[in-house]
Structure formats: structure tokens, C-alpha cells
Amino acid sequence: MWFMPLGLFVASAVEITLGITLITKAIQQGRALPDPRQTITMILEELGEATTAEIIEKASQRSQDCKDRIPGTLVDLEENNKIKKRISREKKALVWTLVF
């Protein structure tokens, strides 16, 4: 009967250790993600103007994690007057450019 509490203690200690390890790894991976604001700025500096699809394509070449955050970041950058959008007749789409 004395081994049951010991077994529960060991199992609990292992669960807590595993939880702390997983949380630590998640925090480290979160720090390693590229900033989508910097990625968009670099892409627009390189291309001058680009459609949303072109920005997403270029960003996905740099990081798969960044790709999903691009549309929301574009809207955020526009609200903060860092970039602007306009309709391009040549590309038949919205294009984004940096505000100088």
C-alpha cells in the first residue's frame, strides 16, 4: 500500500516537468518568429509596390509562420499610416506601397 502514494508522486512530478518543458519550448519558438511588419516593409522596399498575393508569396519564402499573419498586419500598417493601398489597373488588384 505504501507504493501507491509514491507512484502518484512520481507521475505528478513527471507531468509537471513535461508541462514546464513544453511551455518553455513554445516561448522560445515564439521569440524566433519573424516580425511580419519588418517582413512587409522589406518586401515593399524591394518591390516598390505589390499586391497582397505577391506579399504573401514573398513572405512565405522567408517563413511559413509569417504567411498567416500578413493580411492582418497589412491592415494594421495601413491604419498606422506606414503603408497605403490603391487600385492598380495594370495588376487588376489592390497594391500596397510604403508611405514616405
PDB file of N, CA and C in Angstrom:
ATOM      1  N   MET A   1       0.808  -1.203   0.000  1.00  0.00           N
ATOM      2  CA  MET A   1       0.000   0.000   0.000  1.00  0.00           C
ATOM      3  C   MET A   1       0.848   1.261   0.000  1.00  0.00           C
ATOM      4  N   TRP A   2       2.044   1.200   0.490  1.00  0.00           N
ATOM      5  CA  TRP A   2       2.883   2.398   0.562  1.00  0.00           C
ATOM      6  C   TRP A   2       3.368   2.852  -0.815  1.00  0.00           C
ATOM      7  N   PHE A   3       3.334   1.961  -1.824  1.00  0.00           N
ATOM      8  CA  PHE A   3       3.838   2.318  -3.143  1.00  0.00           C
ATOM      9  C   PHE A   3       2.845   3.139  -3.972  1.00  0.00           C
ATOM     10  N   MET A   4       1.565   3.142  -3.609  1.00  0.00           N
ATOM     11  CA  MET A   4       0.583   3.928  -4.362  1.00  0.00           C
ATOM     12  C   MET A   4       0.841   5.434  -4.235  1.00  0.00           C
ATOM     13  N   PRO A   5       1.019   5.978  -3.034  1.00  0.00           N
ATOM     14  CA  PRO A   5       1.327   7.412  -2.959  1.00  0.00           C
ATOM     15  C   PRO A   5       2.646   7.761  -3.639  1.00  0.00           C
ATOM     16  N   LEU A   6       3.626   6.854  -3.541  1.00  0.00           N
ATOM     17  CA  LEU A   6       4.909   7.091  -4.196  1.00  0.00           C
ATOM     18  C   LEU A   6       4.729   7.133  -5.718  1.00  0.00           C
ATOM     19  N   GLY A   7       3.932   6.233  -6.251  1.00  0.00           N
ATOM     20  CA  GLY A   7       3.662   6.199  -7.694  1.00  0.00           C
ATOM     21  C   GLY A   7       2.938   7.453  -8.151  1.00  0.00           C
ATOM     22  N   LEU A   8       1.963   7.920  -7.367  1.00  0.00           N
ATOM     23  CA  LEU A   8       1.246   9.152  -7.705  1.00  0.00           C
ATOM     24  C   LEU A   8       2.186  10.356  -7.667  1.00  0.00           C
ATOM     25  N   PHE A   9       3.081  10.381  -6.702  1.00  0.00           N
ATOM     26  CA  PHE A   9       4.037  11.488  -6.599  1.00  0.00           C
ATOM     27  C   PHE A   9       4.963  11.513  -7.820  1.00  0.00           C
ATOM     28  N   VAL A  10       5.481  10.369  -8.216  1.00  0.00           N
ATOM     29  CA  VAL A  10       6.381  10.288  -9.366  1.00  0.00           C
ATOM     30  C   VAL A  10       5.642  10.690 -10.645  1.00  0.00           C
ATOM     31  N   ALA A  11       4.426  10.191 -10.829  1.00  0.00           N
ATOM     32  CA  ALA A  11       3.650  10.527 -12.023  1.00  0.00           C
ATOM     33  C   ALA A  11       3.357  12.025 -12.074  1.00  0.00           C
ATOM     34  N   SER A  12       3.008  12.609 -10.936  1.00  0.00           N
ATOM     35  CA  SER A  12       2.735  14.049 -10.883  1.00  0.00           C
ATOM     36  C   SER A  12       3.992  14.861 -11.201  1.00  0.00           C
ATOM     37  N   ALA A  13       5.121  14.451 -10.665  1.00  0.00           N
ATOM     38  CA  ALA A  13       6.374  15.167 -10.923  1.00  0.00           C
ATOM     39  C   ALA A  13       6.734  15.110 -12.403  1.00  0.00           C
ATOM     40  N   VAL A  14       6.534  13.968 -13.033  1.00  0.00           N
ATOM     41  CA  VAL A  14       6.827  13.823 -14.463  1.00  0.00           C
ATOM     42  C   VAL A  14       5.893  14.717 -15.284  1.00  0.00           C
ATOM     43  N   GLU A  15       4.615  14.756 -14.959  1.00  0.00           N
ATOM     44  CA  GLU A  15       3.640  15.595 -15.672  1.00  0.00           C
ATOM     45  C   GLU A  15       3.995  17.075 -15.555  1.00  0.00           C
ATOM     46  N   ILE A  16       4.356  17.498 -14.371  1.00  0.00           N
ATOM     47  CA  ILE A  16       4.713  18.908 -14.155  1.00  0.00           C
ATOM     48  C   ILE A  16       5.978  19.260 -14.935  1.00  0.00           C
ATOM     49  N   THR A  17       6.965  18.383 -14.909  1.00  0.00           N
ATOM     50  CA  THR A  17       8.204  18.616 -15.648  1.00  0.00           C
ATOM     51  C   THR A  17       7.939  18.692 -17.145  1.00  0.00           C
ATOM     52  N   LEU A  18       7.131  17.806 -17.662  1.00  0.00           N
ATOM     53  CA  LEU A  18       6.789  17.815 -19.082  1.00  0.00           C
ATOM     54  C   LEU A  18       6.054  19.109 -19.448  1.00  0.00           C
ATOM     55  N   GLY A  19       5.128  19.527 -18.627  1.00  0.00           N
ATOM     56  CA  GLY A  19       4.404  20.770 -18.873  1.00  0.00           C
ATOM     57  C   GLY A  19       5.321  21.981 -18.922  1.00  0.00           C
ATOM     58  N   ILE A  20       6.229  22.067 -17.982  1.00  0.00           N
ATOM     59  CA  ILE A  20       7.175  23.194 -17.949  1.00  0.00           C
ATOM     60  C   ILE A  20       8.077  23.165 -19.182  1.00  0.00           C
ATOM     61  N   THR A  21       8.513  21.983 -19.574  1.00  0.00           N
ATOM     62  CA  THR A  21       9.360  21.853 -20.761  1.00  0.00           C
ATOM     63  C   THR A  21       8.623  22.313 -22.017  1.00  0.00           C
ATOM     64  N   LEU A  22       7.379  21.904 -22.188  1.00  0.00           N
ATOM     65  CA  LEU A  22       6.609  22.292 -23.372  1.00  0.00           C
ATOM     66  C   LEU A  22       6.335  23.794 -23.398  1.00  0.00           C
ATOM     67  N   ILE A  23       6.036  24.377 -22.260  1.00  0.00           N
ATOM     68  CA  ILE A  23       5.801  25.823 -22.195  1.00  0.00           C
ATOM     69  C   ILE A  23       7.082  26.577 -22.544  1.00  0.00           C
ATOM     70  N   THR A  24       8.203  26.134 -22.040  1.00  0.00           N
ATOM     71  CA  THR A  24       9.485  26.778 -22.339  1.00  0.00           C
ATOM     72  C   THR A  24       9.800  26.721 -23.828  1.00  0.00           C
ATOM     73  N   LYS A  25       9.580  25.566 -24.449  1.00  0.00           N
ATOM     74  CA  LYS A  25       9.842  25.428 -25.888  1.00  0.00           C
ATOM     75  C   LYS A  25       8.905  26.317 -26.701  1.00  0.00           C
ATOM     76  N   ALA A  26       7.652  26.437 -26.304  1.00  0.00           N
ATOM     77  CA  ALA A  26       6.707  27.298 -27.019  1.00  0.00           C
ATOM     78  C   ALA A  26       7.124  28.763 -26.937  1.00  0.00           C
ATOM     79  N   ILE A  27       7.593  29.186 -25.794  1.00  0.00           N
ATOM     80  CA  ILE A  27       8.058  30.568 -25.631  1.00  0.00           C
ATOM     81  C   ILE A  27       9.282  30.824 -26.503  1.00  0.00           C
ATOM     82  N   GLN A  28      10.202  29.878 -26.550  1.00  0.00           N
ATOM     83  CA  GLN A  28      11.402  30.033 -27.377  1.00  0.00           C
ATOM     84  C   GLN A  28      11.052  30.098 -28.855  1.00  0.00           C
ATOM     85  N   GLN A  29      10.117  29.296 -29.316  1.00  0.00           N
ATOM     86  CA  GLN A  29       9.712  29.325 -30.714  1.00  0.00           C
ATOM     87  C   GLN A  29       9.001  30.629 -31.042  1.00  0.00           C
ATOM     88  N   GLY A  30       8.221  31.140 -30.116  1.00  0.00           N
ATOM     89  CA  GLY A  30       7.537  32.413 -30.331  1.00  0.00           C
ATOM     90  C   GLY A  30       8.513  33.555 -30.512  1.00  0.00           C
ATOM     91  N   ARG A  31       9.611  33.525 -29.812  1.00  0.00           N
ATOM     92  CA  ARG A  31      10.642  34.564 -29.948  1.00  0.00           C
ATOM     93  C   ARG A  31      11.363  34.461 -31.279  1.00  0.00           C
ATOM     94  N   ALA A  32      11.433  33.276 -31.832  1.00  0.00           N
ATOM     95  CA  ALA A  32      12.178  33.064 -33.069  1.00  0.00           C
ATOM     96  C   ALA A  32      11.383  33.435 -34.315  1.00  0.00           C
ATOM     97  N   LEU A  33      10.073  33.670 -34.193  1.00  0.00           N
ATOM     98  CA  LEU A  33       9.262  34.010 -35.358  1.00  0.00           C
ATOM     99  C   LEU A  33       9.650  35.376 -35.908  1.00  0.00           C
ATOM    100  N   PRO A  34       9.676  35.508 -37.222  1.00  0.00           N
ATOM    101  CA  PRO A  34       9.992  36.815 -37.797  1.00  0.00           C
ATOM    102  C   PRO A  34       8.834  37.784 -37.589  1.00  0.00           C
ATOM    103  N   ASP A  35       9.157  39.044 -37.491  1.00  0.00           N
ATOM    104  CA  ASP A  35       8.143  40.076 -37.323  1.00  0.00           C
ATOM    105  C   ASP A  35       7.514  40.360 -38.683  1.00  0.00           C
ATOM    106  N   PRO A  36       6.197  40.168 -38.834  1.00  0.00           N
ATOM    107  CA  PRO A  36       5.585  40.397 -40.144  1.00  0.00           C
ATOM    108  C   PRO A  36       5.663  41.857 -40.587  1.00  0.00           C
ATOM    109  N   ARG A  37       5.733  42.804 -39.639  1.00  0.00           N
ATOM    110  CA  ARG A  37       5.862  44.217 -40.018  1.00  0.00           C
ATOM    111  C   ARG A  37       7.182  44.459 -40.744  1.00  0.00           C
ATOM    112  N   GLN A  38       8.248  43.907 -40.202  1.00  0.00           N
ATOM    113  CA  GLN A  38       9.560  44.061 -40.838  1.00  0.00           C
ATOM    114  C   GLN A  38       9.597  43.335 -42.181  1.00  0.00           C
ATOM    115  N   THR A  39       8.978  42.175 -42.233  1.00  0.00           N
ATOM    116  CA  THR A  39       8.957  41.403 -43.474  1.00  0.00           C
ATOM    117  C   THR A  39       8.230  42.177 -44.566  1.00  0.00           C
ATOM    118  N   ILE A  40       7.073  42.736 -44.253  1.00  0.00           N
ATOM    119  CA  ILE A  40       6.310  43.505 -45.237  1.00  0.00           C
ATOM    120  C   ILE A  40       7.087  44.731 -45.670  1.00  0.00           C
ATOM    121  N   THR A  41       7.699  45.419 -44.737  1.00  0.00           N
ATOM    122  CA  THR A  41       8.474  46.614 -45.063  1.00  0.00           C
ATOM    123  C   THR A  41       9.626  46.267 -45.999  1.00  0.00           C
ATOM    124  N   MET A  42      10.335  45.184 -45.726  1.00  0.00           N
ATOM    125  CA  MET A  42      11.450  44.770 -46.589  1.00  0.00           C
ATOM    126  C   MET A  42      10.953  44.404 -47.986  1.00  0.00           C
ATOM    127  N   ILE A  43       9.821  43.716 -48.053  1.00  0.00           N
ATOM    128  CA  ILE A  43       9.273  43.319 -49.348  1.00  0.00           C
ATOM    129  C   ILE A  43       8.868  44.547 -50.161  1.00  0.00           C
ATOM    130  N   LEU A  44       8.202  45.506 -49.516  1.00  0.00           N
ATOM    131  CA  LEU A  44       7.777  46.707 -50.239  1.00  0.00           C
ATOM    132  C   LEU A  44       8.962  47.597 -50.617  1.00  0.00           C
ATOM    133  N   GLU A  45      10.013  47.609 -49.807  1.00  0.00           N
ATOM    134  CA  GLU A  45      11.220  48.346 -50.188  1.00  0.00           C
ATOM    135  C   GLU A  45      11.849  47.715 -51.426  1.00  0.00           C
ATOM    136  N   GLU A  46      11.797  46.395 -51.489  1.00  0.00           N
ATOM    137  CA  GLU A  46      12.388  45.663 -52.608  1.00  0.00           C
ATOM    138  C   GLU A  46      11.559  45.824 -53.885  1.00  0.00           C
ATOM    139  N   LEU A  47      10.230  45.673 -53.772  1.00  0.00           N
ATOM    140  CA  LEU A  47       9.372  45.672 -54.949  1.00  0.00           C
ATOM    141  C   LEU A  47       8.801  47.051 -55.301  1.00  0.00           C
ATOM    142  N   GLY A  48       8.767  47.957 -54.378  1.00  0.00           N
ATOM    143  CA  GLY A  48       8.146  49.267 -54.602  1.00  0.00           C
ATOM    144  C   GLY A  48       6.662  49.221 -54.325  1.00  0.00           C
ATOM    145  N   GLU A  49       5.931  48.426 -55.085  1.00  0.00           N
ATOM    146  CA  GLU A  49       4.519  48.177 -54.819  1.00  0.00           C
ATOM    147  C   GLU A  49       4.246  46.715 -55.094  1.00  0.00           C
ATOM    148  N   ALA A  50       3.277  46.173 -54.375  1.00  0.00           N
ATOM    149  CA  ALA A  50       2.984  44.752 -54.532  1.00  0.00           C
ATOM    150  C   ALA A  50       1.549  44.477 -54.126  1.00  0.00           C
ATOM    151  N   THR A  51       0.961  43.470 -54.749  1.00  0.00           N
ATOM    152  CA  THR A  51      -0.375  43.035 -54.358  1.00  0.00           C
ATOM    153  C   THR A  51      -0.266  42.204 -53.084  1.00  0.00           C
ATOM    154  N   THR A  52      -1.411  41.974 -52.481  1.00  0.00           N
ATOM    155  CA  THR A  52      -1.430  41.147 -51.270  1.00  0.00           C
ATOM    156  C   THR A  52      -0.885  39.756 -51.571  1.00  0.00           C
ATOM    157  N   ALA A  53      -1.280  39.196 -52.700  1.00  0.00           N
ATOM    158  CA  ALA A  53      -0.806  37.852 -53.068  1.00  0.00           C
ATOM    159  C   ALA A  53       0.708  37.830 -53.245  1.00  0.00           C
ATOM    160  N   GLU A  54       1.266  38.873 -53.870  1.00  0.00           N
ATOM    161  CA  GLU A  54       2.722  38.929 -54.054  1.00  0.00           C
ATOM    162  C   GLU A  54       3.440  39.037 -52.714  1.00  0.00           C
ATOM    163  N   ILE A  55       2.881  39.831 -51.804  1.00  0.00           N
ATOM    164  CA  ILE A  55       3.487  39.980 -50.479  1.00  0.00           C
ATOM    165  C   ILE A  55       3.444  38.656 -49.727  1.00  0.00           C
ATOM    166  N   ILE A  56       2.308  37.981 -49.788  1.00  0.00           N
ATOM    167  CA  ILE A  56       2.180  36.692 -49.099  1.00  0.00           C
ATOM    168  C   ILE A  56       3.146  35.672 -49.700  1.00  0.00           C
ATOM    169  N   GLU A  57       3.279  35.664 -51.027  1.00  0.00           N
ATOM    170  CA  GLU A  57       4.201  34.725 -51.681  1.00  0.00           C
ATOM    171  C   GLU A  57       5.641  34.974 -51.252  1.00  0.00           C
ATOM    172  N   LYS A  58       6.065  36.238 -51.251  1.00  0.00           N
ATOM    173  CA  LYS A  58       7.431  36.571 -50.832  1.00  0.00           C
ATOM    174  C   LYS A  58       7.649  36.248 -49.354  1.00  0.00           C
ATOM    175  N   ALA A  59       6.645  36.555 -48.530  1.00  0.00           N
ATOM    176  CA  ALA A  59       6.774  36.294 -47.092  1.00  0.00           C
ATOM    177  C   ALA A  59       6.855  34.796 -46.813  1.00  0.00           C
ATOM    178  N   SER A  60       6.125  33.992 -47.590  1.00  0.00           N
ATOM    179  CA  SER A  60       6.155  32.544 -47.355  1.00  0.00           C
ATOM    180  C   SER A  60       7.503  31.947 -47.745  1.00  0.00           C
ATOM    181  N   GLN A  61       8.244  32.620 -48.620  1.00  0.00           N
ATOM    182  CA  GLN A  61       9.582  32.156 -48.954  1.00  0.00           C
ATOM    183  C   GLN A  61      10.534  32.374 -47.782  1.00  0.00           C
ATOM    184  N   ARG A  62      10.245  33.377 -46.971  1.00  0.00           N
ATOM    185  CA  ARG A  62      11.106  33.671 -45.815  1.00  0.00           C
ATOM    186  C   ARG A  62      10.725  32.843 -44.599  1.00  0.00           C
ATOM    187  N   SER A  63       9.404  32.666 -44.385  1.00  0.00           N
ATOM    188  CA  SER A  63       8.955  31.897 -43.221  1.00  0.00           C
ATOM    189  C   SER A  63       7.507  31.485 -43.402  1.00  0.00           C
ATOM    190  N   GLN A  64       7.211  30.222 -43.165  1.00  0.00           N
ATOM    191  CA  GLN A  64       5.827  29.742 -43.260  1.00  0.00           C
ATOM    192  C   GLN A  64       4.957  30.307 -42.138  1.00  0.00           C
ATOM    193  N   ASP A  65       5.560  30.612 -40.991  1.00  0.00           N
ATOM    194  CA  ASP A  65       4.799  31.140 -39.864  1.00  0.00           C
ATOM    195  C   ASP A  65       4.308  32.552 -40.138  1.00  0.00           C
ATOM    196  N   CYS A  66       5.054  33.300 -40.903  1.00  0.00           N
ATOM    197  CA  CYS A  66       4.734  34.693 -41.176  1.00  0.00           C
ATOM    198  C   CYS A  66       3.559  34.815 -42.143  1.00  0.00           C
ATOM    199  N   LYS A  67       3.394  33.853 -43.016  1.00  0.00           N
ATOM    200  CA  LYS A  67       2.403  33.893 -44.090  1.00  0.00           C
ATOM    201  C   LYS A  67       0.980  34.139 -43.588  1.00  0.00           C
ATOM    202  N   ASP A  68       0.595  33.511 -42.516  1.00  0.00           N
ATOM    203  CA  ASP A  68      -0.765  33.629 -42.000  1.00  0.00           C
ATOM    204  C   ASP A  68      -1.049  34.987 -41.365  1.00  0.00           C
ATOM    205  N   ARG A  69      -0.004  35.685 -40.968  1.00  0.00           N
ATOM    206  CA  ARG A  69      -0.191  36.950 -40.264  1.00  0.00           C
ATOM    207  C   ARG A  69      -0.149  38.163 -41.187  1.00  0.00           C
ATOM    208  N   ILE A  70       0.126  37.965 -42.465  1.00  0.00           N
ATOM    209  CA  ILE A  70       0.306  39.077 -43.396  1.00  0.00           C
ATOM    210  C   ILE A  70      -0.957  39.919 -43.596  1.00  0.00           C
ATOM    211  N   PRO A  71      -2.125  39.341 -43.917  1.00  0.00           N
ATOM    212  CA  PRO A  71      -3.296  40.197 -44.169  1.00  0.00           C
ATOM    213  C   PRO A  71      -3.656  41.114 -42.989  1.00  0.00           C
ATOM    214  N   GLY A  72      -3.649  40.592 -41.798  1.00  0.00           N
ATOM    215  CA  GLY A  72      -3.953  41.411 -40.625  1.00  0.00           C
ATOM    216  C   GLY A  72      -2.898  42.479 -40.382  1.00  0.00           C
ATOM    217  N   THR A  73      -1.658  42.145 -40.656  1.00  0.00           N
ATOM    218  CA  THR A  73      -0.575  43.109 -40.472  1.00  0.00           C
ATOM    219  C   THR A  73      -0.652  44.219 -41.515  1.00  0.00           C
ATOM    220  N   LEU A  74      -1.061  43.888 -42.743  1.00  0.00           N
ATOM    221  CA  LEU A  74      -1.241  44.915 -43.767  1.00  0.00           C
ATOM    222  C   LEU A  74      -2.272  45.947 -43.321  1.00  0.00           C
ATOM    223  N   VAL A  75      -3.386  45.474 -42.799  1.00  0.00           N
ATOM    224  CA  VAL A  75      -4.431  46.385 -42.319  1.00  0.00           C
ATOM    225  C   VAL A  75      -3.908  47.229 -41.170  1.00  0.00           C
ATOM    226  N   ASP A  76      -3.187  46.621 -40.259  1.00  0.00           N
ATOM    227  CA  ASP A  76      -2.629  47.349 -39.118  1.00  0.00           C
ATOM    228  C   ASP A  76      -1.629  48.419 -39.575  1.00  0.00           C
ATOM    229  N   LEU A  77      -0.769  48.082 -40.515  1.00  0.00           N
ATOM    230  CA  LEU A  77       0.200  49.052 -41.021  1.00  0.00           C
ATOM    231  C   LEU A  77      -0.494  50.199 -41.756  1.00  0.00           C
ATOM    232  N   GLU A  78      -1.585  49.886 -42.441  1.00  0.00           N
ATOM    233  CA  GLU A  78      -2.338  50.944 -43.130  1.00  0.00           C
ATOM    234  C   GLU A  78      -2.998  51.884 -42.122  1.00  0.00           C
ATOM    235  N   GLU A  79      -3.556  51.325 -41.062  1.00  0.00           N
ATOM    236  CA  GLU A  79      -4.181  52.155 -40.024  1.00  0.00           C
ATOM    237  C   GLU A  79      -3.162  53.057 -39.341  1.00  0.00           C
ATOM    238  N   ASN A  80      -1.928  52.613 -39.247  1.00  0.00           N
ATOM    239  CA  ASN A  80      -0.863  53.406 -38.632  1.00  0.00           C
ATOM    240  C   ASN A  80      -0.122  54.281 -39.640  1.00  0.00           C
ATOM    241  N   ASN A  81      -0.662  54.391 -40.863  1.00  0.00           N
ATOM    242  CA  ASN A  81      -0.099  55.232 -41.929  1.00  0.00           C
ATOM    243  C   ASN A  81       1.344  54.883 -42.277  1.00  0.00           C
ATOM    244  N   LYS A  82       1.676  53.617 -42.236  1.00  0.00           N
ATOM    245  CA  LYS A  82       3.011  53.167 -42.652  1.00  0.00           C
ATOM    246  C   LYS A  82       2.998  52.740 -44.120  1.00  0.00           C
ATOM    247  N   ILE A  83       1.849  52.222 -44.572  1.00  0.00           N
ATOM    248  CA  ILE A  83       1.681  51.835 -45.962  1.00  0.00           C
ATOM    249  C   ILE A  83       0.327  52.354 -46.435  1.00  0.00           C
ATOM    250  N   LYS A  84       0.151  52.372 -47.755  1.00  0.00           N
ATOM    251  CA  LYS A  84      -1.152  52.762 -48.303  1.00  0.00           C
ATOM    252  C   LYS A  84      -1.506  51.801 -49.415  1.00  0.00           C
ATOM    253  N   LYS A  85      -2.798  51.717 -49.691  1.00  0.00           N
ATOM    254  CA  LYS A  85      -3.250  50.834 -50.765  1.00  0.00           C
ATOM    255  C   LYS A  85      -3.952  51.669 -51.823  1.00  0.00           C
ATOM    256  N   ARG A  86      -3.894  51.154 -53.031  1.00  0.00           N
ATOM    257  CA  ARG A  86      -4.614  51.768 -54.134  1.00  0.00           C
ATOM    258  C   ARG A  86      -4.973  50.667 -55.117  1.00  0.00           C
ATOM    259  N   ILE A  87      -5.872  50.979 -56.031  1.00  0.00           N
ATOM    260  CA  ILE A  87      -6.271  50.014 -57.042  1.00  0.00           C
ATOM    261  C   ILE A  87      -5.367  50.193 -58.257  1.00  0.00           C
ATOM    262  N   SER A  88      -4.795  49.110 -58.711  1.00  0.00           N
ATOM    263  CA  SER A  88      -3.914  49.137 -59.875  1.00  0.00           C
ATOM    264  C   SER A  88      -4.654  48.564 -61.073  1.00  0.00           C
ATOM    265  N   ARG A  89      -4.717  49.344 -62.141  1.00  0.00           N
ATOM    266  CA  ARG A  89      -5.365  48.852 -63.362  1.00  0.00           C
ATOM    267  C   ARG A  89      -4.478  47.825 -64.068  1.00  0.00           C
ATOM    268  N   GLU A  90      -3.171  48.010 -63.972  1.00  0.00           N
ATOM    269  CA  GLU A  90      -2.256  47.085 -64.627  1.00  0.00           C
ATOM    270  C   GLU A  90      -2.338  45.689 -64.011  1.00  0.00           C
ATOM    271  N   LYS A  91      -2.332  45.640 -62.697  1.00  0.00           N
ATOM    272  CA  LYS A  91      -2.354  44.354 -61.993  1.00  0.00           C
ATOM    273  C   LYS A  91      -3.769  43.880 -61.693  1.00  0.00           C
ATOM    274  N   LYS A  92      -4.747  44.768 -61.881  1.00  0.00           N
ATOM    275  CA  LYS A  92      -6.156  44.464 -61.618  1.00  0.00           C
ATOM    276  C   LYS A  92      -6.346  43.942 -60.200  1.00  0.00           C
ATOM    277  N   ALA A  93      -5.751  44.672 -59.270  1.00  0.00           N
ATOM    278  CA  ALA A  93      -5.831  44.286 -57.861  1.00  0.00           C
ATOM    279  C   ALA A  93      -5.448  45.483 -56.996  1.00  0.00           C
ATOM    280  N   LEU A  94      -5.629  45.305 -55.688  1.00  0.00           N
ATOM    281  CA  LEU A  94      -5.134  46.307 -54.749  1.00  0.00           C
ATOM    282  C   LEU A  94      -3.624  46.149 -54.642  1.00  0.00           C
ATOM    283  N   VAL A  95      -2.921  47.258 -54.658  1.00  0.00           N
ATOM    284  CA  VAL A  95      -1.476  47.210 -54.450  1.00  0.00           C
ATOM    285  C   VAL A  95      -1.127  48.047 -53.234  1.00  0.00           C
ATOM    286  N   TRP A  96      -0.093  47.629 -52.553  1.00  0.00           N
ATOM    287  CA  TRP A  96       0.366  48.290 -51.341  1.00  0.00           C
ATOM    288  C   TRP A  96       1.711  48.959 -51.608  1.00  0.00           C
ATOM    289  N   THR A  97       1.884  50.166 -51.068  1.00  0.00           N
ATOM    290  CA  THR A  97       3.166  50.871 -51.177  1.00  0.00           C
ATOM    291  C   THR A  97       3.499  51.474 -49.826  1.00  0.00           C
ATOM    292  N   LEU A  98       4.786  51.717 -49.619  1.00  0.00           N
ATOM    293  CA  LEU A  98       5.229  52.371 -48.389  1.00  0.00           C
ATOM    294  C   LEU A  98       4.881  53.851 -48.427  1.00  0.00           C
ATOM    295  N   VAL A  99       4.562  54.417 -47.278  1.00  0.00           N
ATOM    296  CA  VAL A  99       4.333  55.848 -47.156  1.00  0.00           C
ATOM    297  C   VAL A  99       5.655  56.477 -46.758  1.00  0.00           C
ATOM    298  N   PHE A 100       6.066  57.486 -47.469  1.00  0.00           N
ATOM    299  CA  PHE A 100       7.349  58.127 -47.157  1.00  0.00           C
ATOM    300  C   PHE A 100       7.129  59.392 -46.394  1.00  0.00           C
TER     301      PHE A 100
END
